[in-house]
């Protein structure tokens, strides 16, 4: 089953498409999905680890994952103010600061996802997209509770050899395939401002959407596609409602990035 695609040309249309679609199927008054912006609608859902190996074709750097996390563990200590509370927190900090990991960034806000989809990109040559993931559908399929998992929750999913750790994942010591949504601790103001969350997948040999398809979960994804000729209009709408770098990166770098893009 292919991922369903829906064309939207305005920010209002995106929000309208989300709200009635969820109400009709579930009766919930609020959308329970998470979102991810993509500057290229034609690309699969690739982690930073995937992109490290190049995206044409995607080739994940599986063999480097352990080295990346161990190097971050070694060199990050002076800047974290002390040891990370757990290996999971170390993995999240690595992802948050730009180290390629198997984590995939999502947000609870479709507007935040639209922001990242519509930022100027020198390599853009087509449509952009906002992906929606029904993470509760994924949790149900893999036997997880209908709750966003915390770091403590993940540790409780260990086996007789002890709690599940991030290094057990990257070292390939987990046999059962799974995907889940991971709720990060509020390590800094950016995570809070962006309503950030992550998906964690046991398999990094393929793109996340292809992993879901192989487990019969393509219907957990919807791709809202913004045609190329509508991207600038949606970008202007986002700026109008103050969804920009200055709000989503609440620091001096965010303020500078917002000014730079505005005057460019």
Protein backbone atom coordinates (compact mmCIF):
# COMPACT_ATOMS: atom_id res chain seq x y z
CA UNK A 1 0.00 0.00 0.00
CA UNK A 2 1.42 3.39 -1.01
CA UNK A 3 1.52 6.35 1.36
CA UNK A 4 -1.49 8.60 0.85
CA UNK A 5 -0.62 12.03 -0.61
CA UNK A 6 -2.78 15.15 -0.24
CA UNK A 7 -2.01 18.42 -2.00
CA UNK A 8 -2.35 21.62 0.04
CA UNK A 9 -1.63 25.14 -1.14
CA UNK A 10 -2.16 27.22 2.02
CA UNK A 11 -1.52 26.93 5.73
CA UNK A 12 -5.23 27.05 6.43
CA UNK A 13 -5.86 24.20 4.03
CA UNK A 14 -3.26 22.10 5.82
CA UNK A 15 -4.93 22.65 9.20
CA UNK A 16 -8.40 22.09 7.74
CA UNK A 17 -7.31 18.83 6.12
CA UNK A 18 -5.99 17.55 9.44
CA UNK A 19 -8.86 18.36 11.75
CA UNK A 20 -11.89 16.85 9.95
CA UNK A 21 -9.91 13.83 8.79
CA UNK A 22 -9.13 12.82 12.37
CA UNK A 23 -12.63 13.63 13.66
CA UNK A 24 -14.27 11.50 10.99
CA UNK A 25 -12.21 8.40 11.72
CA UNK A 26 -11.77 8.52 15.50
CA UNK A 27 -14.15 11.02 17.01
CA UNK A 28 -11.25 12.79 18.73
CA UNK A 29 -11.41 16.56 18.83
CA UNK A 30 -7.66 16.98 18.45
CA UNK A 31 -5.16 15.45 16.09
CA UNK A 32 -3.02 12.78 17.73
CA UNK A 33 -0.35 12.70 15.02
CA UNK A 34 3.19 14.01 14.87
CA UNK A 35 4.68 15.88 11.93
CA UNK A 36 7.89 16.25 9.99
CA UNK A 37 8.77 18.86 7.37
CA UNK A 38 10.62 17.83 4.21
CA UNK A 39 12.22 20.24 1.75
CA UNK A 40 11.92 17.57 -0.97
CA UNK A 41 8.62 15.70 -1.18
CA UNK A 42 10.20 13.01 -3.35
CA UNK A 43 12.72 11.88 -0.74
CA UNK A 44 11.91 9.03 1.69
CA UNK A 45 12.02 9.52 5.45
CA UNK A 46 15.76 9.51 6.06
CA UNK A 47 17.57 9.95 9.35
CA UNK A 48 20.73 12.01 9.62
CA UNK A 49 22.58 8.69 9.70
CA UNK A 50 21.03 7.82 6.34
CA UNK A 51 21.98 11.18 4.86
CA UNK A 52 25.56 10.79 6.07
CA UNK A 53 25.88 8.03 3.51
CA UNK A 54 24.34 10.08 0.71
CA UNK A 55 20.75 10.17 -0.47
CA UNK A 56 21.06 9.31 -4.16
CA UNK A 57 20.55 6.47 -3.58
CA UNK A 58 20.10 6.45 0.22
CA UNK A 59 22.83 4.41 1.86
CA UNK A 60 22.85 4.31 5.62
CA UNK A 61 26.19 4.31 7.43
CA UNK A 62 25.27 1.45 9.75
CA UNK A 63 28.86 0.61 10.55
CA UNK A 64 29.61 4.13 11.82
CA UNK A 65 26.78 4.41 14.33
CA UNK A 66 28.70 2.96 17.30
CA UNK A 67 31.74 5.13 16.57
CA UNK A 68 29.62 8.29 16.32
CA UNK A 69 27.90 7.77 19.66
CA UNK A 70 31.06 6.69 21.45
CA UNK A 71 32.94 9.74 20.13
CA UNK A 72 30.15 12.04 21.27
CA UNK A 73 30.19 10.38 24.70
CA UNK A 74 33.91 11.01 24.94
CA UNK A 75 34.07 14.62 23.73
CA UNK A 76 30.78 16.06 24.99
CA UNK A 77 31.39 15.72 28.73
CA UNK A 78 32.88 19.22 29.31
CA UNK A 79 29.93 20.86 27.55
CA UNK A 80 27.05 18.89 29.10
CA UNK A 81 27.81 20.00 32.64
CA UNK A 82 28.36 16.43 33.77
CA UNK A 83 27.61 12.89 32.62
CA UNK A 84 24.32 12.24 30.86
CA UNK A 85 21.63 10.68 33.06
CA UNK A 86 21.58 7.62 30.77
CA UNK A 87 22.78 6.39 27.40
CA UNK A 88 19.36 7.35 26.00
CA UNK A 89 19.82 10.95 27.11
CA UNK A 90 23.27 10.89 25.52
CA UNK A 91 21.72 9.69 22.23
CA UNK A 92 19.11 12.47 22.32
CA UNK A 93 21.73 15.11 23.10
CA UNK A 94 23.83 13.84 20.20
CA UNK A 95 20.88 14.09 17.81
CA UNK A 96 19.91 17.51 19.14
CA UNK A 97 23.40 18.89 18.55
CA UNK A 98 23.76 17.57 15.02
CA UNK A 99 25.48 14.20 15.39
CA UNK A 100 24.00 11.73 12.86
CA UNK A 101 21.90 9.13 14.72
CA UNK A 102 19.06 6.72 14.00
CA UNK A 103 16.56 9.08 15.62
CA UNK A 104 14.15 10.90 13.31
CA UNK A 105 12.95 14.38 14.31
CA UNK A 106 9.21 15.05 14.54
CA UNK A 107 7.04 17.72 16.14
CA UNK A 108 3.56 17.83 17.62
CA UNK A 109 2.88 20.98 15.58
CA UNK A 110 2.09 20.86 11.85
CA UNK A 111 3.03 24.54 11.67
CA UNK A 112 6.52 23.85 13.03
CA UNK A 113 6.89 21.05 10.47
CA UNK A 114 5.75 23.42 7.72
CA UNK A 115 8.40 25.90 8.86
CA UNK A 116 11.22 23.42 8.30
CA UNK A 117 9.72 22.30 4.99
CA UNK A 118 9.57 25.82 3.57
CA UNK A 119 12.93 27.22 4.61
CA UNK A 120 15.05 28.37 1.66
CA UNK A 121 17.06 25.46 0.34
CA UNK A 122 19.67 25.76 -2.40
CA UNK A 123 19.03 22.21 -3.58
CA UNK A 124 15.22 22.48 -3.76
CA UNK A 125 13.97 21.44 -7.18
CA UNK A 126 10.35 20.47 -6.59
CA UNK A 127 7.53 20.20 -4.10
CA UNK A 128 7.91 20.25 -0.31
CA UNK A 129 5.95 18.16 2.16
CA UNK A 130 4.65 17.85 5.69
CA UNK A 131 4.56 14.21 6.79
CA UNK A 132 2.02 13.08 9.38
CA UNK A 133 2.62 9.93 11.44
CA UNK A 134 -0.11 8.14 13.39
CA UNK A 135 2.30 7.01 16.08
CA UNK A 136 -0.44 5.35 18.13
CA UNK A 137 -1.12 3.05 15.17
CA UNK A 138 2.59 2.18 15.13
CA UNK A 139 2.62 1.54 18.90
CA UNK A 140 -0.39 -0.72 18.63
CA UNK A 141 1.26 -2.76 15.89
CA UNK A 142 4.49 -3.28 17.85
CA UNK A 143 2.88 -3.88 21.24
CA UNK A 144 3.68 -0.57 22.92
CA UNK A 145 1.19 1.36 25.08
CA UNK A 146 -0.73 4.27 23.47
CA UNK A 147 1.57 6.73 25.22
CA UNK A 148 4.65 8.61 24.11
CA UNK A 149 7.55 6.69 25.65
CA UNK A 150 9.92 8.38 28.07
CA UNK A 151 13.54 7.36 28.57
CA UNK A 152 12.53 5.45 31.68
CA UNK A 153 9.85 3.62 29.69
CA UNK A 154 12.43 2.47 27.14
CA UNK A 155 14.65 1.00 29.82
CA UNK A 156 11.73 -1.08 31.09
CA UNK A 157 11.49 -2.89 27.74
CA UNK A 158 14.65 -4.89 28.37
CA UNK A 159 14.87 -8.66 28.54
CA UNK A 160 16.52 -11.13 30.87
CA UNK A 161 19.91 -9.59 30.12
CA UNK A 162 18.90 -6.28 31.69
CA UNK A 163 17.27 -2.99 30.68
CA UNK A 164 17.17 -1.83 27.07
CA UNK A 165 19.96 0.69 26.48
CA UNK A 166 20.92 2.92 23.59
CA UNK A 167 24.17 1.02 23.13
CA UNK A 168 22.26 -2.27 22.96
CA UNK A 169 20.36 -0.76 20.02
CA UNK A 170 23.38 0.59 18.14
CA UNK A 171 25.37 -2.59 18.74
CA UNK A 172 22.58 -4.69 17.21
CA UNK A 173 21.75 -6.63 20.38
CA UNK A 174 17.98 -6.23 19.94
CA UNK A 175 16.39 -9.01 17.90
CA UNK A 176 12.73 -7.98 17.77
CA UNK A 177 11.98 -5.35 15.10
CA UNK A 178 10.11 -2.32 16.39
CA UNK A 179 9.43 1.37 15.95
CA UNK A 180 8.17 3.74 18.63
CA UNK A 181 7.84 7.40 19.52
CA UNK A 182 10.30 8.72 22.07
CA UNK A 183 9.48 11.75 24.21
CA UNK A 184 12.73 13.66 24.87
CA UNK A 185 13.49 15.40 28.15
CA UNK A 186 13.55 19.20 27.90
CA UNK A 187 17.30 19.49 27.53
CA UNK A 188 17.00 23.11 26.38
CA UNK A 189 14.52 25.75 25.26
CA UNK A 190 14.66 24.68 21.60
CA UNK A 191 13.13 21.27 22.31
CA UNK A 192 10.28 22.96 24.15
CA UNK A 193 9.71 25.72 21.56
CA UNK A 194 9.64 23.23 18.69
CA UNK A 195 7.34 20.75 20.48
CA UNK A 196 9.96 18.20 19.50
CA UNK A 197 9.76 14.44 19.65
CA UNK A 198 11.54 11.54 17.93
CA UNK A 199 10.87 8.17 16.40
CA UNK A 200 13.23 5.32 17.20
CA UNK A 201 13.50 2.32 14.88
CA UNK A 202 15.33 -0.95 15.42
CA UNK A 203 16.18 -1.19 11.70
CA UNK A 204 18.46 1.35 10.05
CA UNK A 205 19.08 -0.55 6.83
CA UNK A 206 16.24 1.27 5.06
CA UNK A 207 14.26 4.51 5.18
CA UNK A 208 11.66 4.79 7.94
CA UNK A 209 8.69 4.88 5.55
CA UNK A 210 9.94 1.71 3.85
CA UNK A 211 10.36 -0.01 7.20
CA UNK A 212 6.75 0.84 8.04
CA UNK A 213 5.57 -0.38 4.63
CA UNK A 214 7.27 -3.75 5.14
CA UNK A 215 5.33 -4.12 8.40
CA UNK A 216 1.98 -3.19 6.84
CA UNK A 217 1.96 0.31 8.31
CA UNK A 218 1.95 2.56 5.26
CA UNK A 219 -1.50 3.75 6.35
CA UNK A 220 0.12 5.26 9.46
CA UNK A 221 1.68 7.91 7.21
CA UNK A 222 0.12 10.72 5.20
CA UNK A 223 2.14 13.15 3.10
CA UNK A 224 0.75 16.66 2.68
CA UNK A 225 2.44 18.02 -0.44
CA UNK A 226 2.88 21.75 -1.08
CA UNK A 227 3.48 22.36 -4.81
CA UNK A 228 6.54 24.36 -5.70
CA UNK A 229 4.56 27.40 -6.85
CA UNK A 230 2.77 27.59 -3.47
CA UNK A 231 5.81 27.26 -1.19
CA UNK A 232 6.60 31.00 -0.99
CA UNK A 233 2.96 31.77 -0.13
CA UNK A 234 2.89 29.21 2.69
CA UNK A 235 6.24 30.58 3.92
CA UNK A 236 4.76 34.09 4.06
CA UNK A 237 1.75 32.76 6.00
CA UNK A 238 4.05 31.12 8.55
CA UNK A 239 5.94 34.38 9.05
CA UNK A 240 2.62 36.19 9.44
CA UNK A 241 1.65 33.94 12.38
CA UNK A 242 5.14 34.18 13.92
CA UNK A 243 6.31 30.63 13.16
CA UNK A 244 9.91 31.51 12.42
CA UNK A 245 13.49 31.01 13.56
CA UNK A 246 13.28 33.64 16.31
CA UNK A 247 10.47 31.71 18.06
CA UNK A 248 11.63 28.16 17.34
CA UNK A 249 15.31 28.81 18.15
CA UNK A 250 14.93 31.11 21.18
CA UNK A 251 18.52 32.31 21.32
CA UNK A 252 20.83 34.72 19.51
CA UNK A 253 21.43 32.30 16.62
CA UNK A 254 17.67 32.05 16.03
CA UNK A 255 17.23 35.81 16.03
CA UNK A 256 20.11 36.21 13.56
CA UNK A 257 18.77 33.46 11.28
CA UNK A 258 15.33 35.08 11.20
CA UNK A 259 16.80 38.45 10.25
CA UNK A 260 19.10 36.91 7.63
CA UNK A 261 16.25 35.07 5.90
CA UNK A 262 13.87 38.03 6.04
CA UNK A 263 16.28 40.42 4.34
CA UNK A 264 17.53 37.83 1.85
